[in-house]
Amino acid sequence: AMANVKKEAVICSEANSPAFSMAMEPVKKVYIAFMETGVRIRQIVEITKDNLHYCKEFMNYVELRHMDNVKGNMAVTETEYVATSVLEGSKPVTQTIYSNVKAFLEQQRYFFENLWSKAVPAEHRIREIEQGVEPQRIDVVYDAGQTLALYQSLIMSAEKEIKIMFPTANA
């Protein structure tokens, strides 16, 4: 299915995807072919210490961003959607979900674009890992109950500094 991509594919995949893609020669050849023919690939993956080497290599072929806790794998092209569940090492994928329904493709691309806008550039995440810097993220919590639970959890588990901003003095 991915062989039919003409301009761009967007992919969201779990942490072992870069190792799978770079270690499986047929898969790597597809990424090389995309690069050589000018096909744009944007991919979101969880970048970890364990897959750092593969992610650096992967960045030669794709625009890569990081997001914590990515589960499953999906790709959307101009005409197709393909998804698999968990990748197991370098074992070939045996079960996939496929669709070419235009409305579904638009929906999946919309979901991807939302994730892409929130994902961290790979270079930033790689620098955090290599320099041993704790990731710094900003979250906006709108639910008051969730805010209180998060606040209590942070206070109880704090080992260093916590910075919290409340919208009002009474909050």
Protein backbone atom coordinates (compact mmCIF):
# COMPACT_ATOMS: atom_id res chain seq x y z
CA ALA A 1 0.00 0.00 0.00
CA MET A 2 2.76 2.45 0.85
CA ALA A 3 4.24 1.84 -2.60
CA ASN A 4 1.40 3.93 -4.06
CA VAL A 5 2.37 7.15 -2.26
CA LYS A 6 3.16 9.99 -4.67
CA LYS A 7 3.78 13.13 -2.59
CA GLU A 8 3.56 12.54 1.15
CA ALA A 9 2.94 9.93 3.80
CA VAL A 10 2.33 10.65 7.46
CA ILE A 11 3.16 7.96 9.97
CA CYS A 12 2.69 7.48 13.68
CA SER A 13 4.58 4.55 15.16
CA GLU A 14 5.79 3.06 18.40
CA ALA A 15 9.33 3.14 19.79
CA ASN A 16 10.62 -0.02 18.09
CA SER A 17 9.55 1.16 14.64
CA PRO A 18 12.86 2.91 13.76
CA ALA A 19 14.83 -0.26 14.58
CA PHE A 20 12.39 -2.34 12.53
CA SER A 21 12.54 0.11 9.61
CA MET A 22 16.32 0.46 9.57
CA ALA A 23 17.16 -3.22 10.29
CA MET A 24 14.72 -4.74 7.77
CA GLU A 25 16.46 -4.16 4.45
CA PRO A 26 13.26 -4.24 2.31
CA VAL A 27 11.64 -1.61 4.55
CA LYS A 28 14.76 0.56 4.56
CA LYS A 29 14.88 0.40 0.76
CA VAL A 30 11.34 1.80 0.61
CA TYR A 31 12.40 4.80 2.74
CA ILE A 32 15.47 5.31 0.53
CA ALA A 33 13.27 5.18 -2.58
CA PHE A 34 10.91 7.75 -1.06
CA MET A 35 13.82 10.07 -0.35
CA GLU A 36 15.26 9.64 -3.85
CA THR A 37 11.92 10.36 -5.54
CA GLY A 38 11.12 13.38 -3.36
CA VAL A 39 8.27 11.81 -1.37
CA ARG A 40 7.88 13.65 1.93
CA ILE A 41 7.59 11.43 5.01
CA ARG A 42 6.60 12.91 8.36
CA GLN A 43 6.75 10.48 11.24
CA ILE A 44 5.95 10.61 14.94
CA VAL A 45 7.66 8.06 17.18
CA GLU A 46 8.61 7.75 20.81
CA ILE A 47 12.36 8.47 20.91
CA THR A 48 14.11 6.65 23.77
CA LYS A 49 17.65 5.82 24.87
CA ASP A 50 17.13 2.36 23.37
CA ASN A 51 16.18 3.53 19.87
CA LEU A 52 18.30 6.70 19.73
CA HIS A 53 20.84 5.26 17.25
CA TYR A 54 18.09 4.08 14.90
CA CYS A 55 16.24 7.41 15.16
CA LYS A 56 19.37 9.33 14.15
CA GLU A 57 19.72 7.10 11.08
CA PHE A 58 15.98 7.35 10.43
CA MET A 59 16.22 11.15 10.30
CA ASN A 60 18.15 10.79 7.02
CA TYR A 61 14.89 9.62 5.41
CA VAL A 62 12.02 11.22 7.34
CA GLU A 63 11.01 14.38 9.18
CA LEU A 64 10.90 12.94 12.69
CA ARG A 65 9.16 14.13 15.85
CA HIS A 66 8.86 12.64 19.32
CA MET A 67 5.77 11.92 21.38
CA ASP A 68 5.63 9.96 24.63
CA ASN A 69 3.74 6.66 24.86
CA VAL A 70 2.91 6.07 21.20
CA LYS A 71 1.15 2.71 20.77
CA GLY A 72 0.43 0.95 17.50
CA ASN A 73 1.43 2.00 14.01
CA MET A 74 -0.44 3.79 11.24
CA ALA A 75 0.34 5.47 7.95
CA VAL A 76 -1.79 7.73 5.76
CA THR A 77 -1.01 8.62 2.16
CA GLU A 78 -3.01 10.55 -0.43
CA THR A 79 -5.11 7.48 -1.20
CA GLU A 80 -4.59 4.87 1.53
CA TYR A 81 -4.55 4.16 5.26
CA VAL A 82 -2.61 1.23 6.70
CA ALA A 83 -2.30 0.25 10.36
CA THR A 84 -0.76 -2.54 12.39
CA SER A 85 -0.76 -3.21 16.08
CA VAL A 86 2.48 -3.97 17.90
CA LEU A 87 5.71 -4.67 16.01
CA GLU A 88 7.66 -7.57 17.46
CA GLY A 89 11.36 -7.06 16.83
CA SER A 90 12.21 -7.70 13.20
CA LYS A 91 9.37 -10.16 12.60
CA PRO A 92 7.38 -9.41 9.44
CA VAL A 93 3.95 -7.82 9.95
CA THR A 94 1.22 -10.41 9.47
CA GLN A 95 -1.95 -8.45 10.25
CA THR A 96 -2.89 -5.02 8.93
CA ILE A 97 -5.91 -2.78 8.66
CA TYR A 98 -6.39 -1.07 5.30
CA SER A 99 -8.78 1.56 3.98
CA ASN A 100 -9.03 3.78 0.93
CA VAL A 101 -12.26 5.51 1.99
CA LYS A 102 -11.68 9.23 1.42
CA ALA A 103 -13.60 10.45 4.48
CA PHE A 104 -11.68 8.05 6.72
CA LEU A 105 -8.34 9.14 5.22
CA GLU A 106 -9.22 12.77 5.90
CA GLN A 107 -10.15 11.92 9.48
CA GLN A 108 -6.91 10.02 10.11
CA ARG A 109 -4.83 12.80 8.56
CA TYR A 110 -6.63 15.30 10.80
CA PHE A 111 -5.73 13.20 13.87
CA PHE A 112 -2.13 13.01 12.69
CA GLU A 113 -1.89 16.78 12.14
CA ASN A 114 -3.13 17.37 15.70
CA LEU A 115 -0.48 15.03 17.07
CA TRP A 116 2.21 16.52 14.81
CA SER A 117 1.52 20.03 16.11
CA LYS A 118 2.05 18.79 19.69
CA ALA A 119 5.02 16.49 19.02
CA VAL A 120 8.56 17.53 19.95
CA PRO A 121 11.14 17.93 17.14
CA ALA A 122 13.44 14.90 17.11
CA GLU A 123 16.55 17.05 17.42
CA HIS A 124 15.24 18.52 20.69
CA ARG A 125 14.37 15.10 22.18
CA ILE A 126 17.72 13.61 21.08
CA ARG A 127 19.56 16.51 22.74
CA GLU A 128 17.60 15.89 25.98
CA ILE A 129 18.63 12.22 25.99
CA GLU A 130 22.27 12.82 25.06
CA GLN A 131 22.72 15.60 27.62
CA GLY A 132 20.80 13.74 30.32
CA VAL A 133 18.36 16.62 30.67
CA GLU A 134 14.93 15.91 32.11
CA PRO A 135 12.25 16.64 29.51
CA GLN A 136 10.48 19.92 30.21
CA ARG A 137 6.92 20.01 28.99
CA ILE A 138 4.12 22.46 29.55
CA ASP A 139 0.59 21.19 30.00
CA VAL A 140 -2.59 23.19 30.27
CA VAL A 141 -5.21 21.47 32.42
CA TYR A 142 -8.74 22.79 32.12
CA ASP A 143 -10.58 20.40 34.46
CA ALA A 144 -10.45 21.65 38.07
CA GLY A 145 -10.67 18.13 39.52
CA GLN A 146 -7.87 16.92 37.30
CA THR A 147 -5.82 19.98 38.27
CA LEU A 148 -6.20 19.23 41.97
CA ALA A 149 -5.31 15.56 41.51
CA LEU A 150 -2.25 16.47 39.43
CA TYR A 151 -1.19 19.11 41.97
CA GLN A 152 -1.44 16.63 44.86
CA SER A 153 0.42 13.97 42.89
CA LEU A 154 3.24 16.38 42.02
CA ILE A 155 3.60 17.56 45.62
CA MET A 156 3.76 13.98 46.94
CA SER A 157 6.29 12.81 44.36
CA ALA A 158 8.49 15.92 44.13
CA GLU A 159 12.22 15.36 44.44
CA LYS A 160 13.29 18.68 42.95
CA GLU A 161 11.56 21.87 41.93
CA ILE A 162 7.96 22.15 40.73
CA LYS A 163 6.64 25.17 38.87
CA ILE A 164 2.89 25.59 38.77
CA MET A 165 0.89 28.57 37.55
CA PHE A 166 -2.73 29.09 38.58
CA PRO A 167 -5.07 31.41 36.68
CA THR A 168 -6.19 33.36 39.78
CA ALA A 169 -4.97 34.04 43.29
CA ASN A 170 -7.87 32.00 44.73
CA ALA A 171 -7.18 28.98 42.53
